[in-house]
Amino acid sequence: MTYEKVLYSLNDDGVARISMNDPATRNAGSAQMGEELVDAFNRAAFESRAVLFTGEGKGFNSGANLADAEAVLDDPMRDVGHLLDRYYNPIITRMKAMEQPIVTAVRSAACGRWR
């Protein structure tokens, strides 16, 4: 998989560095980022001995990217839970199941923001 919203590298010591890479939004979560994070953590589970998880720019993660969800916010039948089921839950499940230690480097705020 080619990553755009995630940076992935593996150093000579076997440490995978997974970094959310959307500094303009302070790494707000999107479907694309979720898909790439799932793939990156699956990859790290098989080829690393430890994981460093971080975010590029001034913030670690600012929550969900509401600009991406703007089209469905007015829909009374919207299902935002499907995004949790499809991306967020698999990332957390993969992280919990990994044998490798995961270290997080958090800069600035690591929270959601209401509009």
Foldseek 3Di string as FASTA:
>chain_A
DDADQWDWDADPQQEIEIEGEDQVQLSADDLRSLVVLLVRLVVSLPGGQAYEYAYDHQWGYAYHDVVRVVVCPPPPPDDPVVSCVPGVVSNVVSQVPGPHYYHYDTHDDDYYDDD
